[in-house]
Structures are given as C-alpha cells and as structure tokens.
Amino acid sequence: MDIYKRQYLKRTSSGLGFMVFAITGTMNLVALILSIALFTRLDTTLSLWMQMFISVSCMFISGMVYCWASKSDINELIKVKRVSPKLAVPLIMIALTVSFTSDYLADLLQSSFSVFGLENGIELNTESTTPVNFLLNIIAVSVVPPLVEEFVFRGVLLGKLRRFGDGFAVLMSSVIFGLIHENLVQIPFAFIVGLALAFTTVKCGSVVPAIIVHFIVNFRATLISSLIDNKVISEEILNIIYIVFLIVVFILGIVSAYRLSKKEGFFSLESKPDYPFAESLGAFIGNGGMICFLVIVVINTISTTSLFSFLGG
C-alpha cells in the first residue's frame, strides 16, 4: 500500500473512530446525568423514554455530525431501496439463523461467567404493568435501536469503509458493532450478528433487510422476557414454542444458504488489491480516533461487569 492510500485510510478510520467514541461517551454521560436528575422519579415508563432519547440523540446525531464534518453524502453511504424477495428473504433467514445461534452461545457464555461470579452489570426491566408500558418497551428495544444502529453501523460506518473492500468493511464494522455493546457477554454475540447484518446489507445493496432482521432479533428477546416476567404464559410452554420456532428458522436458514451457495461466488466479498488486509488493519487501528474509542470501550466494559468482585472473590 502506498503512503497516500495508507494516510487516506488512517484519516477515514480516525474520523469513524471519533464518531463511535462520541457515541459511546455521550450515551454514558447523558445516561448518568439523566439518571441523577430523575432519580426520585425514575419508573419503568420514564426509563423507556430515557432509553429512546439517549439512542436517538447520541447515536443518530453523532452519525449526522460525522457525515457533515467529513462532507459525506448520506444517500451515498446508506442505501434504502426495494430488494427482490428472492434475494432478501433467503438472506434474512440466514441472518436470523446466525443471530439466534449466536444468542444461544451468548447464553452459554453468560452461564459460564455466572459460575465464577462474573455477571453482566446491566439488566433490562421487561416487567410491564400496563399495555402502554409494554408498547413503549417494544418501541424502545425493538424499533428504535434497529433504526438508529443500522443507520450508524450498516449505513455510515459500513458505507464509508466499503471503498477499502467489502470484506474489510464487513469485518471492521462488525468488530466496532460488537465492541460498542461494552460487556463481555454481548460483545461476541453482537460481533457475529454484525457480520450477518453487514453481509446482508452488502449483498442486498440496501439497509432495509438488516433493519428487519435486527427488529426480529430484538423483538423476540423482548417478547419472551415480557411474557415470562408478566406471567402471561408458563416458562415451560414458552420454551417448547420457542424451540419449535428455532428449529423452523434454522432449517429455513440452512436451506437458504444451500440455495444461495449454488450461485458462483455468492458468499465471497470484494477485496481491494491495493489495500492489503494486514496493512489496512494496522492503518485502521493505528490512529487517534480508534485508539480513543478502544480505550473508552475497555474502561466501560470493565465498569459494566462485576469484574472487581470476581477478582476479589
């Protein structure tokens, strides 16, 4: 890679690094300020409104500011168009299969950590006493995050990195997507899901299928937790229904992958010979923006887990 291409990649990566650094920093800062200011009045409904406000204000605004500062055309980075069902449906089923499998592995990882007293420090309250709270819970967890996160990660971040090769863009955007979740259980799960969502976006040429997958994944988790917490259905019956659902999705995902594999080179991604992976990776990480992001991720990941009690025990 010549020096000009390397410097261009470093500048682009640094800008993206400062964008996700700003997202992480402002989300934690705003959450802290609002929690302190509203401490005496912080009930379930207010918490959900606060969660939506933080997601939209910090993540969406940071993405928009980056596009303005870097003079990037949002329409160039984020493609929103109709995709043929013959292509979109199989890719959605594959992405759902990958996502649900990753979720299962994340549950196993959580169980392993629990044995040693290491717990995720953030838990979602899904107990809704009114239909309004339940609806707000769905919107706050299943609607707003898919729209905002896909705008940033499969839109701005992925779109900006694709000029360095689709394979590189899919991998790096997924790494950032995993890290920004900032806890030891969600990071590997989010990374794998990010790969599926980014691949789907690249192949479909639109962010819409990724939004659909993201919504289904979040809605499924929220619905199950809400049904159990509010004692709408017994956990035993719900487990049976969920297992059947997973089996159906898994079969459809495997069949979809098999059919798409018949298309020559479908599962390969474009690489740029003038951007060798090893050199590109070094340039991607070795800049001020990404270093700042990685530092704050490490700090926040430690603070959102019971790591100190684990070491002390």
C-alpha atoms as a PDB file:
ATOM      1  CA  MET A   1       0.000   0.000   0.000  1.00  0.00           C
ATOM      2  CA  ASP A   2       1.471   3.360  -0.953  1.00  0.00           C
ATOM      3  CA  ILE A   3       1.723   6.151   1.600  1.00  0.00           C
ATOM      4  CA  TYR A   4      -1.173   8.169   0.154  1.00  0.00           C
ATOM      5  CA  LYS A   5      -3.636   5.274   0.369  1.00  0.00           C
ATOM      6  CA  ARG A   6      -2.440   4.477   3.869  1.00  0.00           C
ATOM      7  CA  GLN A   7      -2.904   8.069   5.011  1.00  0.00           C
ATOM      8  CA  TYR A   8      -6.367   8.186   3.432  1.00  0.00           C
ATOM      9  CA  LEU A   9      -7.392   5.008   5.261  1.00  0.00           C
ATOM     10  CA  LYS A  10      -5.994   6.358   8.539  1.00  0.00           C
ATOM     11  CA  ARG A  11      -7.872   9.656   8.171  1.00  0.00           C
ATOM     12  CA  THR A  12     -11.113   7.869   7.345  1.00  0.00           C
ATOM     13  CA  SER A  13     -10.688   5.403  10.210  1.00  0.00           C
ATOM     14  CA  SER A  14      -9.777   8.148  12.652  1.00  0.00           C
ATOM     15  CA  GLY A  15     -12.918  10.085  11.768  1.00  0.00           C
ATOM     16  CA  LEU A  16     -15.052   6.977  12.210  1.00  0.00           C
ATOM     17  CA  GLY A  17     -13.225   6.222  15.459  1.00  0.00           C
ATOM     18  CA  PHE A  18     -14.047   9.645  16.856  1.00  0.00           C
ATOM     19  CA  MET A  19     -17.654   9.158  15.733  1.00  0.00           C
ATOM     20  CA  VAL A  20     -18.101   5.923  17.703  1.00  0.00           C
ATOM     21  CA  PHE A  21     -16.070   7.418  20.563  1.00  0.00           C
ATOM     22  CA  ALA A  22     -18.538  10.310  20.640  1.00  0.00           C
ATOM     23  CA  ILE A  23     -21.463   7.879  20.566  1.00  0.00           C
ATOM     24  CA  THR A  24     -20.076   5.849  23.458  1.00  0.00           C
ATOM     25  CA  GLY A  25     -19.033   8.853  25.531  1.00  0.00           C
ATOM     26  CA  THR A  26     -22.218  10.864  25.068  1.00  0.00           C
ATOM     27  CA  MET A  27     -24.507   7.877  25.684  1.00  0.00           C
ATOM     28  CA  ASN A  28     -22.827   7.121  29.001  1.00  0.00           C
ATOM     29  CA  LEU A  29     -22.642  10.779  30.003  1.00  0.00           C
ATOM     30  CA  VAL A  30     -26.267  11.561  29.125  1.00  0.00           C
ATOM     31  CA  ALA A  31     -27.445   8.365  30.835  1.00  0.00           C
ATOM     32  CA  LEU A  32     -25.552   9.339  34.000  1.00  0.00           C
ATOM     33  CA  ILE A  33     -26.879  12.907  34.015  1.00  0.00           C
ATOM     34  CA  LEU A  34     -30.492  11.858  33.398  1.00  0.00           C
ATOM     35  CA  SER A  35     -30.298   9.074  35.984  1.00  0.00           C
ATOM     36  CA  ILE A  36     -29.102  11.522  38.630  1.00  0.00           C
ATOM     37  CA  ALA A  37     -31.560  14.254  37.642  1.00  0.00           C
ATOM     38  CA  LEU A  38     -34.545  11.889  37.504  1.00  0.00           C
ATOM     39  CA  PHE A  39     -33.502   9.515  40.279  1.00  0.00           C
ATOM     40  CA  THR A  40     -36.515  10.108  42.521  1.00  0.00           C
ATOM     41  CA  ARG A  41     -38.988   9.828  39.617  1.00  0.00           C
ATOM     42  CA  LEU A  42     -37.316   7.084  37.575  1.00  0.00           C
ATOM     43  CA  ASP A  43     -40.011   4.460  36.972  1.00  0.00           C
ATOM     44  CA  THR A  44     -40.391   1.937  34.132  1.00  0.00           C
ATOM     45  CA  THR A  45     -42.142   4.346  31.756  1.00  0.00           C
ATOM     46  CA  LEU A  46     -39.641   7.155  32.279  1.00  0.00           C
ATOM     47  CA  SER A  47     -36.732   4.716  31.900  1.00  0.00           C
ATOM     48  CA  LEU A  48     -38.041   3.620  28.496  1.00  0.00           C
ATOM     49  CA  TRP A  49     -38.466   7.204  27.314  1.00  0.00           C
ATOM     50  CA  MET A  50     -34.962   7.967  28.560  1.00  0.00           C
ATOM     51  CA  GLN A  51     -33.573   4.955  26.693  1.00  0.00           C
ATOM     52  CA  MET A  52     -35.150   6.091  23.421  1.00  0.00           C
ATOM     53  CA  PHE A  53     -33.962   9.672  23.907  1.00  0.00           C
ATOM     54  CA  ILE A  54     -30.386   8.541  24.537  1.00  0.00           C
ATOM     55  CA  SER A  55     -30.326   6.252  21.488  1.00  0.00           C
ATOM     56  CA  VAL A  56     -31.689   8.833  19.093  1.00  0.00           C
ATOM     57  CA  SER A  57     -29.929  11.918  20.414  1.00  0.00           C
ATOM     58  CA  CYS A  58     -26.478  10.414  20.943  1.00  0.00           C
ATOM     59  CA  MET A  59     -26.215   7.833  18.178  1.00  0.00           C
ATOM     60  CA  PHE A  60     -28.196   9.459  15.363  1.00  0.00           C
ATOM     61  CA  ILE A  61     -26.847  12.947  15.976  1.00  0.00           C
ATOM     62  CA  SER A  62     -23.245  11.687  16.176  1.00  0.00           C
ATOM     63  CA  GLY A  63     -23.700   9.934  12.829  1.00  0.00           C
ATOM     64  CA  MET A  64     -25.186  13.045  11.253  1.00  0.00           C
ATOM     65  CA  VAL A  65     -22.413  15.262  12.634  1.00  0.00           C
ATOM     66  CA  TYR A  66     -19.784  12.889  11.225  1.00  0.00           C
ATOM     67  CA  CYS A  67     -21.394  12.972   7.779  1.00  0.00           C
ATOM     68  CA  TRP A  68     -21.457  16.773   7.902  1.00  0.00           C
ATOM     69  CA  ALA A  69     -17.874  17.087   9.162  1.00  0.00           C
ATOM     70  CA  SER A  70     -16.497  14.583   6.631  1.00  0.00           C
ATOM     71  CA  LYS A  71     -18.634  16.041   3.824  1.00  0.00           C
ATOM     72  CA  SER A  72     -20.110  12.590   3.193  1.00  0.00           C
ATOM     73  CA  ASP A  73     -23.299  12.196   1.202  1.00  0.00           C
ATOM     74  CA  ILE A  74     -25.727  10.189   3.351  1.00  0.00           C
ATOM     75  CA  ASN A  75     -27.502   8.910   0.242  1.00  0.00           C
ATOM     76  CA  GLU A  76     -24.195   7.514  -0.994  1.00  0.00           C
ATOM     77  CA  LEU A  77     -23.454   5.726   2.276  1.00  0.00           C
ATOM     78  CA  ILE A  78     -26.927   4.480   3.187  1.00  0.00           C
ATOM     79  CA  LYS A  79     -28.920   2.680   0.528  1.00  0.00           C
ATOM     80  CA  VAL A  80     -32.653   2.372   1.163  1.00  0.00           C
ATOM     81  CA  LYS A  81     -34.324   0.646  -1.735  1.00  0.00           C
ATOM     82  CA  ARG A  82     -36.641  -2.214  -2.600  1.00  0.00           C
ATOM     83  CA  VAL A  83     -34.890  -5.585  -2.760  1.00  0.00           C
ATOM     84  CA  SER A  84     -36.170  -8.613  -4.662  1.00  0.00           C
ATOM     85  CA  PRO A  85     -37.806 -11.083  -2.228  1.00  0.00           C
ATOM     86  CA  LYS A  86     -35.922 -13.908  -3.978  1.00  0.00           C
ATOM     87  CA  LEU A  87     -32.717 -12.374  -2.646  1.00  0.00           C
ATOM     88  CA  ALA A  88     -33.874 -10.650   0.542  1.00  0.00           C
ATOM     89  CA  VAL A  89     -35.875 -13.495   2.114  1.00  0.00           C
ATOM     90  CA  PRO A  90     -33.085 -16.139   1.983  1.00  0.00           C
ATOM     91  CA  LEU A  91     -30.538 -13.668   3.335  1.00  0.00           C
ATOM     92  CA  ILE A  92     -32.909 -12.632   6.115  1.00  0.00           C
ATOM     93  CA  MET A  93     -33.419 -16.287   7.079  1.00  0.00           C
ATOM     94  CA  ILE A  94     -29.652 -16.893   7.103  1.00  0.00           C
ATOM     95  CA  ALA A  95     -29.073 -13.783   9.214  1.00  0.00           C
ATOM     96  CA  LEU A  96     -31.785 -14.868  11.662  1.00  0.00           C
ATOM     97  CA  THR A  97     -30.236 -18.329  11.937  1.00  0.00           C
ATOM     98  CA  VAL A  98     -26.823 -16.817  12.660  1.00  0.00           C
ATOM     99  CA  SER A  99     -28.336 -14.361  15.149  1.00  0.00           C
ATOM    100  CA  PHE A 100     -30.335 -16.922  17.119  1.00  0.00           C
ATOM    101  CA  THR A 101     -27.411 -19.360  17.183  1.00  0.00           C
ATOM    102  CA  SER A 102     -25.173 -16.575  18.477  1.00  0.00           C
ATOM    103  CA  ASP A 103     -27.774 -15.730  21.091  1.00  0.00           C
ATOM    104  CA  TYR A 104     -27.723 -19.328  22.317  1.00  0.00           C
ATOM    105  CA  LEU A 105     -23.927 -19.232  22.533  1.00  0.00           C
ATOM    106  CA  ALA A 106     -24.138 -15.934  24.427  1.00  0.00           C
ATOM    107  CA  ASP A 107     -26.469 -17.568  26.959  1.00  0.00           C
ATOM    108  CA  LEU A 108     -23.945 -20.361  27.442  1.00  0.00           C
ATOM    109  CA  LEU A 109     -21.202 -17.772  27.890  1.00  0.00           C
ATOM    110  CA  GLN A 110     -23.281 -15.957  30.489  1.00  0.00           C
ATOM    111  CA  SER A 111     -23.843 -19.214  32.361  1.00  0.00           C
ATOM    112  CA  SER A 112     -20.101 -19.915  32.342  1.00  0.00           C
ATOM    113  CA  PHE A 113     -19.340 -16.470  33.753  1.00  0.00           C
ATOM    114  CA  SER A 114     -22.035 -16.870  36.386  1.00  0.00           C
ATOM    115  CA  VAL A 115     -20.276 -19.942  37.759  1.00  0.00           C
ATOM    116  CA  PHE A 116     -17.326 -17.712  38.654  1.00  0.00           C
ATOM    117  CA  GLY A 117     -19.484 -14.827  39.906  1.00  0.00           C
ATOM    118  CA  LEU A 118     -18.919 -12.633  36.845  1.00  0.00           C
ATOM    119  CA  GLU A 119     -22.246 -11.129  35.814  1.00  0.00           C
ATOM    120  CA  ASN A 120     -23.340  -8.627  33.240  1.00  0.00           C
ATOM    121  CA  GLY A 121     -23.933  -5.402  35.127  1.00  0.00           C
ATOM    122  CA  ILE A 122     -26.891  -4.198  33.048  1.00  0.00           C
ATOM    123  CA  GLU A 123     -30.272  -5.885  33.041  1.00  0.00           C
ATOM    124  CA  LEU A 124     -33.348  -4.925  31.065  1.00  0.00           C
ATOM    125  CA  ASN A 125     -36.549  -4.461  33.019  1.00  0.00           C
ATOM    126  CA  THR A 126     -39.283  -6.088  30.940  1.00  0.00           C
ATOM    127  CA  GLU A 127     -41.957  -6.225  33.602  1.00  0.00           C
ATOM    128  CA  SER A 128     -44.757  -4.030  32.233  1.00  0.00           C
ATOM    129  CA  THR A 129     -47.769  -3.341  34.375  1.00  0.00           C
ATOM    130  CA  THR A 130     -49.767  -1.575  31.656  1.00  0.00           C
ATOM    131  CA  PRO A 131     -50.298  -2.023  27.897  1.00  0.00           C
ATOM    132  CA  VAL A 132     -48.690   1.399  27.409  1.00  0.00           C
ATOM    133  CA  ASN A 133     -45.508   0.261  29.168  1.00  0.00           C
ATOM    134  CA  PHE A 134     -45.461  -2.920  27.126  1.00  0.00           C
ATOM    135  CA  LEU A 135     -45.801  -0.940  23.877  1.00  0.00           C
ATOM    136  CA  LEU A 136     -43.116   1.502  24.991  1.00  0.00           C
ATOM    137  CA  ASN A 137     -40.861  -1.434  25.817  1.00  0.00           C
ATOM    138  CA  ILE A 138     -41.288  -2.817  22.291  1.00  0.00           C
ATOM    139  CA  ILE A 139     -40.612   0.579  20.717  1.00  0.00           C
ATOM    140  CA  ALA A 140     -37.617   1.330  22.958  1.00  0.00           C
ATOM    141  CA  VAL A 141     -35.939  -2.053  22.451  1.00  0.00           C
ATOM    142  CA  SER A 142     -37.223  -3.437  19.146  1.00  0.00           C
ATOM    143  CA  VAL A 143     -37.970  -0.415  16.954  1.00  0.00           C
ATOM    144  CA  VAL A 144     -35.689   2.488  17.836  1.00  0.00           C
ATOM    145  CA  PRO A 145     -32.365   0.579  18.192  1.00  0.00           C
ATOM    146  CA  PRO A 146     -32.658  -1.227  14.823  1.00  0.00           C
ATOM    147  CA  LEU A 147     -33.363   2.034  13.010  1.00  0.00           C
ATOM    148  CA  VAL A 148     -30.657   4.063  14.747  1.00  0.00           C
ATOM    149  CA  GLU A 149     -27.996   1.344  14.930  1.00  0.00           C
ATOM    150  CA  GLU A 150     -28.451   0.305  11.298  1.00  0.00           C
ATOM    151  CA  PHE A 151     -28.161   3.958  10.284  1.00  0.00           C
ATOM    152  CA  VAL A 152     -24.789   4.200  12.034  1.00  0.00           C
ATOM    153  CA  PHE A 153     -23.234   0.739  11.610  1.00  0.00           C
ATOM    154  CA  ARG A 154     -24.625  -0.706   8.379  1.00  0.00           C
ATOM    155  CA  GLY A 155     -25.089   2.779   6.953  1.00  0.00           C
ATOM    156  CA  VAL A 156     -22.422   5.330   7.802  1.00  0.00           C
ATOM    157  CA  LEU A 157     -19.675   3.005   9.106  1.00  0.00           C
ATOM    158  CA  LEU A 158     -20.060   0.173   6.592  1.00  0.00           C
ATOM    159  CA  GLY A 159     -20.731   2.544   3.719  1.00  0.00           C
ATOM    160  CA  LYS A 160     -17.626   4.608   4.423  1.00  0.00           C
ATOM    161  CA  LEU A 161     -15.360   1.542   4.716  1.00  0.00           C
ATOM    162  CA  ARG A 162     -16.586  -0.213   1.548  1.00  0.00           C
ATOM    163  CA  ARG A 163     -14.216   1.834  -0.573  1.00  0.00           C
ATOM    164  CA  PHE A 164     -11.420  -0.228   1.034  1.00  0.00           C
ATOM    165  CA  GLY A 165     -13.055  -3.533   0.099  1.00  0.00           C
ATOM    166  CA  ASP A 166     -16.347  -5.147   1.068  1.00  0.00           C
ATOM    167  CA  GLY A 167     -14.663  -7.912   3.067  1.00  0.00           C
ATOM    168  CA  PHE A 168     -12.655  -5.407   5.096  1.00  0.00           C
ATOM    169  CA  ALA A 169     -15.729  -3.205   5.616  1.00  0.00           C
ATOM    170  CA  VAL A 170     -17.927  -6.081   6.795  1.00  0.00           C
ATOM    171  CA  LEU A 171     -15.301  -7.319   9.254  1.00  0.00           C
ATOM    172  CA  MET A 172     -14.286  -3.972  10.732  1.00  0.00           C
ATOM    173  CA  SER A 173     -17.817  -2.594  11.038  1.00  0.00           C
ATOM    174  CA  SER A 174     -18.805  -5.804  12.854  1.00  0.00           C
ATOM    175  CA  VAL A 175     -15.868  -5.540  15.254  1.00  0.00           C
ATOM    176  CA  ILE A 176     -16.890  -1.975  16.131  1.00  0.00           C
ATOM    177  CA  PHE A 177     -20.532  -3.048  16.464  1.00  0.00           C
ATOM    178  CA  GLY A 178     -19.532  -5.773  18.887  1.00  0.00           C
ATOM    179  CA  LEU A 179     -17.222  -3.592  20.970  1.00  0.00           C
ATOM    180  CA  ILE A 180     -19.697  -0.744  21.362  1.00  0.00           C
ATOM    181  CA  HIS A 181     -22.044  -3.048  23.334  1.00  0.00           C
ATOM    182  CA  GLU A 182     -19.431  -2.849  26.100  1.00  0.00           C
ATOM    183  CA  ASN A 183     -19.992  -6.013  28.101  1.00  0.00           C
ATOM    184  CA  LEU A 184     -18.247  -9.353  27.938  1.00  0.00           C
ATOM    185  CA  VAL A 185     -21.375 -11.362  27.125  1.00  0.00           C
ATOM    186  CA  GLN A 186     -22.786  -9.187  24.348  1.00  0.00           C
ATOM    187  CA  ILE A 187     -19.530  -8.358  22.529  1.00  0.00           C
ATOM    188  CA  PRO A 188     -19.022 -11.755  20.793  1.00  0.00           C
ATOM    189  CA  PHE A 189     -22.761 -12.136  20.164  1.00  0.00           C
ATOM    190  CA  ALA A 190     -23.050  -8.650  18.658  1.00  0.00           C
ATOM    191  CA  PHE A 191     -19.926  -9.202  16.537  1.00  0.00           C
ATOM    192  CA  ILE A 192     -21.349 -12.346  14.913  1.00  0.00           C
ATOM    193  CA  VAL A 193     -24.734 -10.709  14.391  1.00  0.00           C
ATOM    194  CA  GLY A 194     -22.927  -7.698  12.926  1.00  0.00           C
ATOM    195  CA  LEU A 195     -21.224  -9.939  10.362  1.00  0.00           C
ATOM    196  CA  ALA A 196     -24.592 -11.333   9.246  1.00  0.00           C
ATOM    197  CA  LEU A 197     -26.210  -7.898   9.070  1.00  0.00           C
ATOM    198  CA  ALA A 198     -23.304  -6.296   7.222  1.00  0.00           C
ATOM    199  CA  PHE A 199     -23.080  -9.173   4.724  1.00  0.00           C
ATOM    200  CA  THR A 200     -26.835  -8.952   4.113  1.00  0.00           C
ATOM    201  CA  THR A 201     -26.581  -5.195   3.549  1.00  0.00           C
ATOM    202  CA  VAL A 202     -23.725  -5.543   1.060  1.00  0.00           C
ATOM    203  CA  LYS A 203     -25.401  -8.321  -0.921  1.00  0.00           C
ATOM    204  CA  CYS A 204     -28.833  -6.660  -0.971  1.00  0.00           C
ATOM    205  CA  GLY A 205     -27.481  -3.196  -1.672  1.00  0.00           C
ATOM    206  CA  SER A 206     -29.930  -1.881   0.910  1.00  0.00           C
ATOM    207  CA  VAL A 207     -30.044  -1.459   4.675  1.00  0.00           C
ATOM    208  CA  VAL A 208     -33.736  -2.423   4.853  1.00  0.00           C
ATOM    209  CA  PRO A 209     -33.258  -6.233   5.221  1.00  0.00           C
ATOM    210  CA  ALA A 210     -30.768  -5.643   8.057  1.00  0.00           C
ATOM    211  CA  ILE A 211     -33.312  -3.423   9.831  1.00  0.00           C
ATOM    212  CA  ILE A 212     -35.906  -6.213   9.517  1.00  0.00           C
ATOM    213  CA  VAL A 213     -33.525  -8.824  10.954  1.00  0.00           C
ATOM    214  CA  HIS A 214     -32.435  -6.512  13.761  1.00  0.00           C
ATOM    215  CA  PHE A 215     -36.059  -5.816  14.650  1.00  0.00           C
ATOM    216  CA  ILE A 216     -36.997  -9.518  14.748  1.00  0.00           C
ATOM    217  CA  VAL A 217     -33.980 -10.400  16.917  1.00  0.00           C
ATOM    218  CA  ASN A 218     -34.690  -7.637  19.437  1.00  0.00           C
ATOM    219  CA  PHE A 219     -38.454  -8.200  19.407  1.00  0.00           C
ATOM    220  CA  ARG A 220     -38.083 -11.912  20.043  1.00  0.00           C
ATOM    221  CA  ALA A 221     -35.909 -11.322  23.105  1.00  0.00           C
ATOM    222  CA  THR A 222     -38.171  -8.580  24.434  1.00  0.00           C
ATOM    223  CA  LEU A 223     -41.372 -10.552  23.862  1.00  0.00           C
ATOM    224  CA  ILE A 224     -40.077 -13.684  25.590  1.00  0.00           C
ATOM    225  CA  SER A 225     -38.844 -11.731  28.601  1.00  0.00           C
ATOM    226  CA  SER A 226     -42.082  -9.775  28.844  1.00  0.00           C
ATOM    227  CA  LEU A 227     -44.268 -12.889  28.633  1.00  0.00           C
ATOM    228  CA  ILE A 228     -42.284 -14.598  31.382  1.00  0.00           C
ATOM    229  CA  ASP A 229     -41.916 -11.561  33.646  1.00  0.00           C
ATOM    230  CA  ASN A 230     -45.611 -10.734  33.432  1.00  0.00           C
ATOM    231  CA  LYS A 231     -46.638 -14.401  33.845  1.00  0.00           C
ATOM    232  CA  VAL A 232     -48.684 -14.402  30.633  1.00  0.00           C
ATOM    233  CA  ILE A 233     -47.569 -17.945  29.833  1.00  0.00           C
ATOM    234  CA  SER A 234     -45.652 -20.574  31.748  1.00  0.00           C
ATOM    235  CA  GLU A 235     -41.945 -20.761  31.092  1.00  0.00           C
ATOM    236  CA  GLU A 236     -42.179 -24.487  30.227  1.00  0.00           C
ATOM    237  CA  ILE A 237     -44.775 -23.956  27.472  1.00  0.00           C
ATOM    238  CA  LEU A 238     -42.949 -20.910  26.160  1.00  0.00           C
ATOM    239  CA  ASN A 239     -39.704 -22.911  25.949  1.00  0.00           C
ATOM    240  CA  ILE A 240     -41.418 -25.572  23.830  1.00  0.00           C
ATOM    241  CA  ILE A 241     -42.880 -22.952  21.473  1.00  0.00           C
ATOM    242  CA  TYR A 242     -39.526 -21.211  21.223  1.00  0.00           C
ATOM    243  CA  ILE A 243     -37.638 -24.432  20.465  1.00  0.00           C
ATOM    244  CA  VAL A 244     -40.073 -25.228  17.643  1.00  0.00           C
ATOM    245  CA  PHE A 245     -39.634 -21.698  16.330  1.00  0.00           C
ATOM    246  CA  LEU A 246     -35.837 -22.010  16.411  1.00  0.00           C
ATOM    247  CA  ILE A 247     -35.939 -25.351  14.592  1.00  0.00           C
ATOM    248  CA  VAL A 248     -38.083 -23.885  11.810  1.00  0.00           C
ATOM    249  CA  VAL A 249     -35.821 -20.836  11.455  1.00  0.00           C
ATOM    250  CA  PHE A 250     -32.687 -22.993  11.498  1.00  0.00           C
ATOM    251  CA  ILE A 251     -33.999 -25.313   8.783  1.00  0.00           C
ATOM    252  CA  LEU A 252     -35.058 -22.384   6.599  1.00  0.00           C
ATOM    253  CA  GLY A 253     -31.663 -20.753   7.150  1.00  0.00           C
ATOM    254  CA  ILE A 254     -29.759 -23.886   6.112  1.00  0.00           C
ATOM    255  CA  VAL A 255     -31.950 -24.379   3.043  1.00  0.00           C
ATOM    256  CA  SER A 256     -31.497 -20.719   2.096  1.00  0.00           C
ATOM    257  CA  ALA A 257     -27.707 -20.935   2.484  1.00  0.00           C
ATOM    258  CA  TYR A 258     -27.643 -24.080   0.324  1.00  0.00           C
ATOM    259  CA  ARG A 259     -29.675 -22.460  -2.448  1.00  0.00           C
ATOM    260  CA  LEU A 260     -27.586 -19.292  -2.473  1.00  0.00           C
ATOM    261  CA  SER A 261     -24.354 -21.301  -2.443  1.00  0.00           C
ATOM    262  CA  LYS A 262     -25.277 -22.571  -5.911  1.00  0.00           C
ATOM    263  CA  LYS A 263     -24.673 -19.067  -7.217  1.00  0.00           C
ATOM    264  CA  GLU A 264     -20.986 -18.973  -8.041  1.00  0.00           C
ATOM    265  CA  GLY A 265     -19.047 -16.709  -5.695  1.00  0.00           C
ATOM    266  CA  PHE A 266     -22.153 -15.502  -3.875  1.00  0.00           C
ATOM    267  CA  PHE A 267     -20.612 -15.835  -0.408  1.00  0.00           C
ATOM    268  CA  SER A 268     -17.366 -14.142  -1.394  1.00  0.00           C
ATOM    269  CA  LEU A 269     -16.779 -10.453  -0.816  1.00  0.00           C
ATOM    270  CA  GLU A 270     -14.819  -7.993  -2.885  1.00  0.00           C
ATOM    271  CA  SER A 271     -11.304  -7.164  -1.767  1.00  0.00           C
ATOM    272  CA  LYS A 272      -9.079  -4.341  -2.976  1.00  0.00           C
ATOM    273  CA  PRO A 273      -5.574  -5.495  -4.029  1.00  0.00           C
ATOM    274  CA  ASP A 274      -4.212  -2.006  -3.370  1.00  0.00           C
ATOM    275  CA  TYR A 275      -5.392  -2.280   0.252  1.00  0.00           C
ATOM    276  CA  PRO A 276      -3.725  -5.448   1.640  1.00  0.00           C
ATOM    277  CA  PHE A 277      -5.508  -6.665   4.756  1.00  0.00           C
ATOM    278  CA  ALA A 278      -2.569  -6.618   7.202  1.00  0.00           C
ATOM    279  CA  GLU A 279      -1.539  -3.084   6.259  1.00  0.00           C
ATOM    280  CA  SER A 280      -5.146  -1.920   6.181  1.00  0.00           C
ATOM    281  CA  LEU A 281      -5.751  -3.329   9.659  1.00  0.00           C
ATOM    282  CA  GLY A 282      -2.709  -1.506  11.019  1.00  0.00           C
ATOM    283  CA  ALA A 283      -3.862   1.769   9.475  1.00  0.00           C
ATOM    284  CA  PHE A 284      -7.422   1.195  10.701  1.00  0.00           C
ATOM    285  CA  ILE A 285      -6.342   0.773  14.321  1.00  0.00           C
ATOM    286  CA  GLY A 286      -3.243   2.994  14.444  1.00  0.00           C
ATOM    287  CA  ASN A 287      -4.894   6.411  14.582  1.00  0.00           C
ATOM    288  CA  GLY A 288      -6.156   8.792  17.238  1.00  0.00           C
ATOM    289  CA  GLY A 289      -9.863   8.214  16.758  1.00  0.00           C
ATOM    290  CA  MET A 290      -9.771   4.436  17.003  1.00  0.00           C
ATOM    291  CA  ILE A 291      -7.338   4.473  19.925  1.00  0.00           C
ATOM    292  CA  CYS A 292      -9.656   6.800  21.869  1.00  0.00           C
ATOM    293  CA  PHE A 293     -12.594   4.517  21.097  1.00  0.00           C
ATOM    294  CA  LEU A 294     -10.754   1.367  22.172  1.00  0.00           C
ATOM    295  CA  VAL A 295      -9.651   2.980  25.441  1.00  0.00           C
ATOM    296  CA  ILE A 296     -13.170   4.048  26.406  1.00  0.00           C
ATOM    297  CA  VAL A 297     -14.547   0.632  25.421  1.00  0.00           C
ATOM    298  CA  VAL A 298     -12.097  -1.140  27.723  1.00  0.00           C
ATOM    299  CA  ILE A 299     -12.937   1.207  30.608  1.00  0.00           C
ATOM    300  CA  ASN A 300     -16.707   0.896  30.114  1.00  0.00           C
ATOM    301  CA  THR A 301     -16.597  -2.870  29.605  1.00  0.00           C
ATOM    302  CA  ILE A 302     -14.840  -3.278  32.938  1.00  0.00           C
ATOM    303  CA  SER A 303     -17.244  -0.898  34.680  1.00  0.00           C
ATOM    304  CA  THR A 304     -20.370  -2.669  33.363  1.00  0.00           C
ATOM    305  CA  THR A 305     -19.362  -6.080  34.654  1.00  0.00           C
ATOM    306  CA  SER A 306     -18.767  -7.397  38.138  1.00  0.00           C
ATOM    307  CA  LEU A 307     -15.105  -7.853  37.328  1.00  0.00           C
ATOM    308  CA  PHE A 308     -13.814  -6.389  40.556  1.00  0.00           C
ATOM    309  CA  SER A 309     -15.995  -8.655  42.697  1.00  0.00           C
ATOM    310  CA  PHE A 310     -14.770 -11.584  40.594  1.00  0.00           C
ATOM    311  CA  LEU A 311     -11.142 -10.695  41.258  1.00  0.00           C
ATOM    312  CA  GLY A 312     -11.877 -10.049  44.898  1.00  0.00           C
ATOM    313  CA  GLY A 313     -13.656 -13.380  45.336  1.00  0.00           C
END
